[in-house]
């Protein structure tokens, strides 16, 4: 995998760092790791990335709603 692909795979984890809850960081980190590990199988990697992004987006939305 190239650096760009790994950066995109780490996006859910990086977004989860901006959330208010620390409970979100571990699942997003796992989703990012699975995305990198499943990089040879694009469909499975996309599912893992989408799940991680969804979790991170909901957590970020909750933080922005609290402001």
PDB file of N, CA and C in Angstrom:
ATOM      1  N   UNK A   1       0.840  -1.181   0.000  1.00  0.00           N
ATOM      2  CA  UNK A   1       0.000   0.000   0.000  1.00  0.00           C
ATOM      3  C   UNK A   1       0.884   1.243   0.000  1.00  0.00           C
ATOM      4  N   UNK A   2       0.416   2.245  -0.682  1.00  0.00           N
ATOM      5  CA  UNK A   2       1.167   3.496  -0.724  1.00  0.00           C
ATOM      6  C   UNK A   2       0.833   4.349   0.503  1.00  0.00           C
ATOM      7  N   UNK A   3       1.570   5.406   0.649  1.00  0.00           N
ATOM      8  CA  UNK A   3       1.363   6.306   1.782  1.00  0.00           C
ATOM      9  C   UNK A   3      -0.019   6.955   1.700  1.00  0.00           C
ATOM     10  N   UNK A   4      -0.466   7.267   0.503  1.00  0.00           N
ATOM     11  CA  UNK A   4      -1.787   7.866   0.332  1.00  0.00           C
ATOM     12  C   UNK A   4      -2.885   6.902   0.763  1.00  0.00           C
ATOM     13  N   UNK A   5      -2.773   5.635   0.396  1.00  0.00           N
ATOM     14  CA  UNK A   5      -3.772   4.649   0.787  1.00  0.00           C
ATOM     15  C   UNK A   5      -3.799   4.444   2.295  1.00  0.00           C
ATOM     16  N   UNK A   6      -2.649   4.428   2.918  1.00  0.00           N
ATOM     17  CA  UNK A   6      -2.590   4.273   4.370  1.00  0.00           C
ATOM     18  C   UNK A   6      -3.164   5.515   5.052  1.00  0.00           C
ATOM     19  N   UNK A   7      -2.920   6.689   4.493  1.00  0.00           N
ATOM     20  CA  UNK A   7      -3.487   7.922   5.058  1.00  0.00           C
ATOM     21  C   UNK A   7      -5.004   7.915   4.977  1.00  0.00           C
ATOM     22  N   UNK A   8      -5.541   7.449   3.876  1.00  0.00           N
ATOM     23  CA  UNK A   8      -6.998   7.365   3.740  1.00  0.00           C
ATOM     24  C   UNK A   8      -7.555   6.301   4.681  1.00  0.00           C
ATOM     25  N   UNK A   9      -6.843   5.210   4.852  1.00  0.00           N
ATOM     26  CA  UNK A   9      -7.285   4.154   5.757  1.00  0.00           C
ATOM     27  C   UNK A   9      -7.297   4.633   7.204  1.00  0.00           C
ATOM     28  N   UNK A  10      -6.388   5.540   7.552  1.00  0.00           N
ATOM     29  CA  UNK A  10      -6.305   6.048   8.923  1.00  0.00           C
ATOM     30  C   UNK A  10      -7.284   7.185   9.191  1.00  0.00           C
ATOM     31  N   UNK A  11      -8.011   7.617   8.199  1.00  0.00           N
ATOM     32  CA  UNK A  11      -8.927   8.744   8.352  1.00  0.00           C
ATOM     33  C   UNK A  11      -9.970   8.550   9.461  1.00  0.00           C
ATOM     34  N   UNK A  12     -10.628   7.386   9.586  1.00  0.00           N
ATOM     35  CA  UNK A  12     -11.587   7.235  10.687  1.00  0.00           C
ATOM     36  C   UNK A  12     -10.940   7.414  12.059  1.00  0.00           C
ATOM     37  N   UNK A  13      -9.739   6.885  12.227  1.00  0.00           N
ATOM     38  CA  UNK A  13      -9.041   7.040  13.501  1.00  0.00           C
ATOM     39  C   UNK A  13      -8.717   8.504  13.771  1.00  0.00           C
ATOM     40  N   UNK A  14      -8.260   9.218  12.768  1.00  0.00           N
ATOM     41  CA  UNK A  14      -7.910  10.627  12.962  1.00  0.00           C
ATOM     42  C   UNK A  14      -9.138  11.476  13.270  1.00  0.00           C
ATOM     43  N   UNK A  15     -10.257  11.169  12.637  1.00  0.00           N
ATOM     44  CA  UNK A  15     -11.495  11.905  12.922  1.00  0.00           C
ATOM     45  C   UNK A  15     -11.987  11.580  14.328  1.00  0.00           C
ATOM     46  N   UNK A  16     -11.810  10.336  14.762  1.00  0.00           N
ATOM     47  CA  UNK A  16     -12.272   9.963  16.104  1.00  0.00           C
ATOM     48  C   UNK A  16     -11.486  10.665  17.201  1.00  0.00           C
ATOM     49  N   UNK A  17     -10.257  11.081  16.900  1.00  0.00           N
ATOM     50  CA  UNK A  17      -9.480  11.818  17.894  1.00  0.00           C
ATOM     51  C   UNK A  17     -10.096  13.181  18.206  1.00  0.00           C
ATOM     52  N   UNK A  18     -10.885  13.706  17.283  1.00  0.00           N
ATOM     53  CA  UNK A  18     -11.542  14.996  17.499  1.00  0.00           C
ATOM     54  C   UNK A  18     -12.848  14.859  18.263  1.00  0.00           C
ATOM     55  N   UNK A  19     -13.287  13.636  18.507  1.00  0.00           N
ATOM     56  CA  UNK A  19     -14.561  13.447  19.204  1.00  0.00           C
ATOM     57  C   UNK A  19     -14.383  13.668  20.700  1.00  0.00           C
ATOM     58  N   UNK A  20     -15.489  13.811  21.367  1.00  0.00           N
ATOM     59  CA  UNK A  20     -15.464  14.083  22.801  1.00  0.00           C
ATOM     60  C   UNK A  20     -15.287  12.805  23.616  1.00  0.00           C
ATOM     61  N   UNK A  21     -15.788  11.701  23.104  1.00  0.00           N
ATOM     62  CA  UNK A  21     -15.771  10.438  23.835  1.00  0.00           C
ATOM     63  C   UNK A  21     -14.521   9.627  23.501  1.00  0.00           C
ATOM     64  N   UNK A  22     -13.914   9.074  24.526  1.00  0.00           N
ATOM     65  CA  UNK A  22     -12.737   8.234  24.281  1.00  0.00           C
ATOM     66  C   UNK A  22     -13.137   6.809  23.920  1.00  0.00           C
ATOM     67  N   UNK A  23     -14.419   6.477  24.054  1.00  0.00           N
ATOM     68  CA  UNK A  23     -14.892   5.135  23.709  1.00  0.00           C
ATOM     69  C   UNK A  23     -14.863   4.897  22.198  1.00  0.00           C
ATOM     70  N   UNK A  24     -14.815   5.933  21.433  1.00  0.00           N
ATOM     71  CA  UNK A  24     -14.891   5.839  19.976  1.00  0.00           C
ATOM     72  C   UNK A  24     -13.524   5.549  19.360  1.00  0.00           C
ATOM     73  N   UNK A  25     -12.474   5.874  20.051  1.00  0.00           N
ATOM     74  CA  UNK A  25     -11.135   5.784  19.477  1.00  0.00           C
ATOM     75  C   UNK A  25     -10.751   4.332  19.167  1.00  0.00           C
ATOM     76  N   UNK A  26     -11.023   3.410  20.078  1.00  0.00           N
ATOM     77  CA  UNK A  26     -10.621   2.012  19.881  1.00  0.00           C
ATOM     78  C   UNK A  26     -11.317   1.362  18.680  1.00  0.00           C
ATOM     79  N   UNK A  27     -12.661   1.477  18.538  1.00  0.00           N
ATOM     80  CA  UNK A  27     -13.276   0.858  17.353  1.00  0.00           C
ATOM     81  C   UNK A  27     -12.799   1.467  16.034  1.00  0.00           C
ATOM     82  N   UNK A  28     -12.563   2.763  16.034  1.00  0.00           N
ATOM     83  CA  UNK A  28     -12.082   3.402  14.807  1.00  0.00           C
ATOM     84  C   UNK A  28     -10.648   2.987  14.496  1.00  0.00           C
ATOM     85  N   UNK A  29      -9.848   2.813  15.529  1.00  0.00           N
ATOM     86  CA  UNK A  29      -8.483   2.332  15.317  1.00  0.00           C
ATOM     87  C   UNK A  29      -8.509   0.907  14.754  1.00  0.00           C
ATOM     88  N   UNK A  30      -9.371   0.056  15.304  1.00  0.00           N
ATOM     89  CA  UNK A  30      -9.496  -1.304  14.784  1.00  0.00           C
ATOM     90  C   UNK A  30      -9.985  -1.313  13.341  1.00  0.00           C
ATOM     91  N   UNK A  31     -10.942  -0.451  13.029  1.00  0.00           N
ATOM     92  CA  UNK A  31     -11.437  -0.374  11.652  1.00  0.00           C
ATOM     93  C   UNK A  31     -10.330   0.069  10.705  1.00  0.00           C
ATOM     94  N   UNK A  32      -9.509   1.008  11.133  1.00  0.00           N
ATOM     95  CA  UNK A  32      -8.397   1.461  10.294  1.00  0.00           C
ATOM     96  C   UNK A  32      -7.363   0.359  10.097  1.00  0.00           C
ATOM     97  N   UNK A  33      -7.085  -0.390  11.151  1.00  0.00           N
ATOM     98  CA  UNK A  33      -6.126  -1.497  11.038  1.00  0.00           C
ATOM     99  C   UNK A  33      -6.664  -2.570  10.105  1.00  0.00           C
ATOM    100  N   UNK A  34      -7.953  -2.911  10.257  1.00  0.00           N
ATOM    101  CA  UNK A  34      -8.553  -3.904   9.364  1.00  0.00           C
ATOM    102  C   UNK A  34      -8.542  -3.426   7.917  1.00  0.00           C
ATOM    103  N   UNK A  35      -8.731  -2.134   7.715  1.00  0.00           N
ATOM    104  CA  UNK A  35      -8.704  -1.598   6.352  1.00  0.00           C
ATOM    105  C   UNK A  35      -7.328  -1.798   5.721  1.00  0.00           C
ATOM    106  N   UNK A  36      -6.295  -1.556   6.496  1.00  0.00           N
ATOM    107  CA  UNK A  36      -4.936  -1.742   5.971  1.00  0.00           C
ATOM    108  C   UNK A  36      -4.652  -3.230   5.736  1.00  0.00           C
ATOM    109  N   UNK A  37      -5.060  -4.078   6.692  1.00  0.00           N
ATOM    110  CA  UNK A  37      -4.796  -5.509   6.557  1.00  0.00           C
ATOM    111  C   UNK A  37      -5.575  -6.142   5.410  1.00  0.00           C
ATOM    112  N   UNK A  38      -6.777  -5.623   5.145  1.00  0.00           N
ATOM    113  CA  UNK A  38      -7.600  -6.171   4.067  1.00  0.00           C
ATOM    114  C   UNK A  38      -7.409  -5.415   2.757  1.00  0.00           C
ATOM    115  N   UNK A  39      -6.327  -4.700   2.631  1.00  0.00           N
ATOM    116  CA  UNK A  39      -6.070  -3.896   1.436  1.00  0.00           C
ATOM    117  C   UNK A  39      -6.016  -4.699   0.144  1.00  0.00           C
ATOM    118  N   UNK A  40      -5.688  -5.981   0.252  1.00  0.00           N
ATOM    119  CA  UNK A  40      -5.637  -6.820  -0.957  1.00  0.00           C
ATOM    120  C   UNK A  40      -7.027  -7.187  -1.457  1.00  0.00           C
ATOM    121  N   UNK A  41      -8.023  -7.123  -0.563  1.00  0.00           N
ATOM    122  CA  UNK A  41      -9.406  -7.425  -0.920  1.00  0.00           C
ATOM    123  C   UNK A  41     -10.224  -6.133  -0.803  1.00  0.00           C
ATOM    124  N   UNK A  42     -10.354  -5.390  -1.896  1.00  0.00           N
ATOM    125  CA  UNK A  42     -10.940  -4.045  -1.832  1.00  0.00           C
ATOM    126  C   UNK A  42     -12.356  -3.981  -1.257  1.00  0.00           C
ATOM    127  N   UNK A  43     -13.191  -4.972  -1.536  1.00  0.00           N
ATOM    128  CA  UNK A  43     -14.565  -4.903  -1.048  1.00  0.00           C
ATOM    129  C   UNK A  43     -14.622  -5.025   0.472  1.00  0.00           C
ATOM    130  N   UNK A  44     -13.838  -5.905   1.024  1.00  0.00           N
ATOM    131  CA  UNK A  44     -13.813  -6.062   2.484  1.00  0.00           C
ATOM    132  C   UNK A  44     -13.158  -4.855   3.150  1.00  0.00           C
ATOM    133  N   UNK A  45     -12.123  -4.329   2.540  1.00  0.00           N
ATOM    134  CA  UNK A  45     -11.467  -3.143   3.092  1.00  0.00           C
ATOM    135  C   UNK A  45     -12.420  -1.951   3.070  1.00  0.00           C
ATOM    136  N   UNK A  46     -13.228  -1.840   2.028  1.00  0.00           N
ATOM    137  CA  UNK A  46     -14.178  -0.732   1.931  1.00  0.00           C
ATOM    138  C   UNK A  46     -15.243  -0.833   3.014  1.00  0.00           C
ATOM    139  N   UNK A  47     -15.686  -2.040   3.325  1.00  0.00           N
ATOM    140  CA  UNK A  47     -16.688  -2.216   4.386  1.00  0.00           C
ATOM    141  C   UNK A  47     -16.103  -1.808   5.735  1.00  0.00           C
ATOM    142  N   UNK A  48     -14.887  -2.242   6.030  1.00  0.00           N
ATOM    143  CA  UNK A  48     -14.245  -1.871   7.293  1.00  0.00           C
ATOM    144  C   UNK A  48     -14.042  -0.361   7.374  1.00  0.00           C
ATOM    145  N   UNK A  49     -13.633   0.256   6.280  1.00  0.00           N
ATOM    146  CA  UNK A  49     -13.418   1.702   6.273  1.00  0.00           C
ATOM    147  C   UNK A  49     -14.734   2.459   6.461  1.00  0.00           C
ATOM    148  N   UNK A  50     -15.789   1.992   5.814  1.00  0.00           N
ATOM    149  CA  UNK A  50     -17.095   2.657   5.940  1.00  0.00           C
ATOM    150  C   UNK A  50     -17.638   2.554   7.359  1.00  0.00           C
ATOM    151  N   UNK A  51     -17.469   1.409   8.000  1.00  0.00           N
ATOM    152  CA  UNK A  51     -17.926   1.255   9.383  1.00  0.00           C
ATOM    153  C   UNK A  51     -17.153   2.207  10.302  1.00  0.00           C
ATOM    154  N   UNK A  52     -15.854   2.255  10.142  1.00  0.00           N
ATOM    155  CA  UNK A  52     -15.041   3.166  10.959  1.00  0.00           C
ATOM    156  C   UNK A  52     -15.383   4.626  10.723  1.00  0.00           C
ATOM    157  N   UNK A  53     -15.604   4.984   9.477  1.00  0.00           N
ATOM    158  CA  UNK A  53     -15.972   6.360   9.155  1.00  0.00           C
ATOM    159  C   UNK A  53     -17.334   6.719   9.712  1.00  0.00           C
ATOM    160  N   UNK A  54     -18.260   5.793   9.663  1.00  0.00           N
ATOM    161  CA  UNK A  54     -19.591   6.035  10.218  1.00  0.00           C
ATOM    162  C   UNK A  54     -19.527   6.255  11.720  1.00  0.00           C
ATOM    163  N   UNK A  55     -18.774   5.433  12.422  1.00  0.00           N
ATOM    164  CA  UNK A  55     -18.626   5.592  13.875  1.00  0.00           C
ATOM    165  C   UNK A  55     -17.992   6.940  14.190  1.00  0.00           C
ATOM    166  N   UNK A  56     -16.938   7.291  13.474  1.00  0.00           N
ATOM    167  CA  UNK A  56     -16.240   8.556  13.726  1.00  0.00           C
ATOM    168  C   UNK A  56     -17.116   9.754  13.389  1.00  0.00           C
ATOM    169  N   UNK A  57     -17.895   9.656  12.325  1.00  0.00           N
ATOM    170  CA  UNK A  57     -18.757  10.777  11.930  1.00  0.00           C
ATOM    171  C   UNK A  57     -19.855  11.020  12.959  1.00  0.00           C
ATOM    172  N   UNK A  58     -20.433   9.962  13.488  1.00  0.00           N
ATOM    173  CA  UNK A  58     -21.467  10.119  14.514  1.00  0.00           C
ATOM    174  C   UNK A  58     -20.870  10.737  15.773  1.00  0.00           C
ATOM    175  N   UNK A  59     -19.691  10.308  16.163  1.00  0.00           N
ATOM    176  CA  UNK A  59     -19.037  10.873  17.358  1.00  0.00           C
ATOM    177  C   UNK A  59     -18.691  12.344  17.144  1.00  0.00           C
ATOM    178  N   UNK A  60     -18.225  12.682  15.962  1.00  0.00           N
ATOM    179  CA  UNK A  60     -17.891  14.076  15.682  1.00  0.00           C
ATOM    180  C   UNK A  60     -19.159  14.941  15.631  1.00  0.00           C
ATOM    181  N   UNK A  61     -20.234  14.383  15.105  1.00  0.00           N
ATOM    182  CA  UNK A  61     -21.500  15.116  15.062  1.00  0.00           C
ATOM    183  C   UNK A  61     -22.011  15.402  16.473  1.00  0.00           C
ATOM    184  N   UNK A  62     -21.844  14.435  17.381  1.00  0.00           N
ATOM    185  CA  UNK A  62     -22.262  14.640  18.775  1.00  0.00           C
ATOM    186  C   UNK A  62     -21.433  15.729  19.439  1.00  0.00           C
ATOM    187  N   UNK A  63     -20.152  15.784  19.112  1.00  0.00           N
ATOM    188  CA  UNK A  63     -19.319  16.832  19.694  1.00  0.00           C
ATOM    189  C   UNK A  63     -19.722  18.208  19.153  1.00  0.00           C
ATOM    190  N   UNK A  64     -19.984  18.294  17.854  1.00  0.00           N
ATOM    191  CA  UNK A  64     -20.375  19.578  17.271  1.00  0.00           C
ATOM    192  C   UNK A  64     -21.751  20.011  17.755  1.00  0.00           C
ATOM    193  N   UNK A  65     -22.620  19.039  18.042  1.00  0.00           N
ATOM    194  CA  UNK A  65     -23.949  19.370  18.554  1.00  0.00           C
ATOM    195  C   UNK A  65     -23.870  19.956  19.961  1.00  0.00           C
ATOM    196  N   UNK A  66     -22.865  19.552  20.744  1.00  0.00           N
ATOM    197  CA  UNK A  66     -22.712  20.032  22.107  1.00  0.00           C
ATOM    198  C   UNK A  66     -22.182  21.465  22.160  1.00  0.00           C
ATOM    199  N   UNK A  67     -21.622  21.925  21.063  1.00  0.00           N
ATOM    200  CA  UNK A  67     -21.050  23.285  21.056  1.00  0.00           C
ATOM    201  C   UNK A  67     -22.134  24.323  20.940  1.00  0.00           C
TER     202      UNK A  67
END
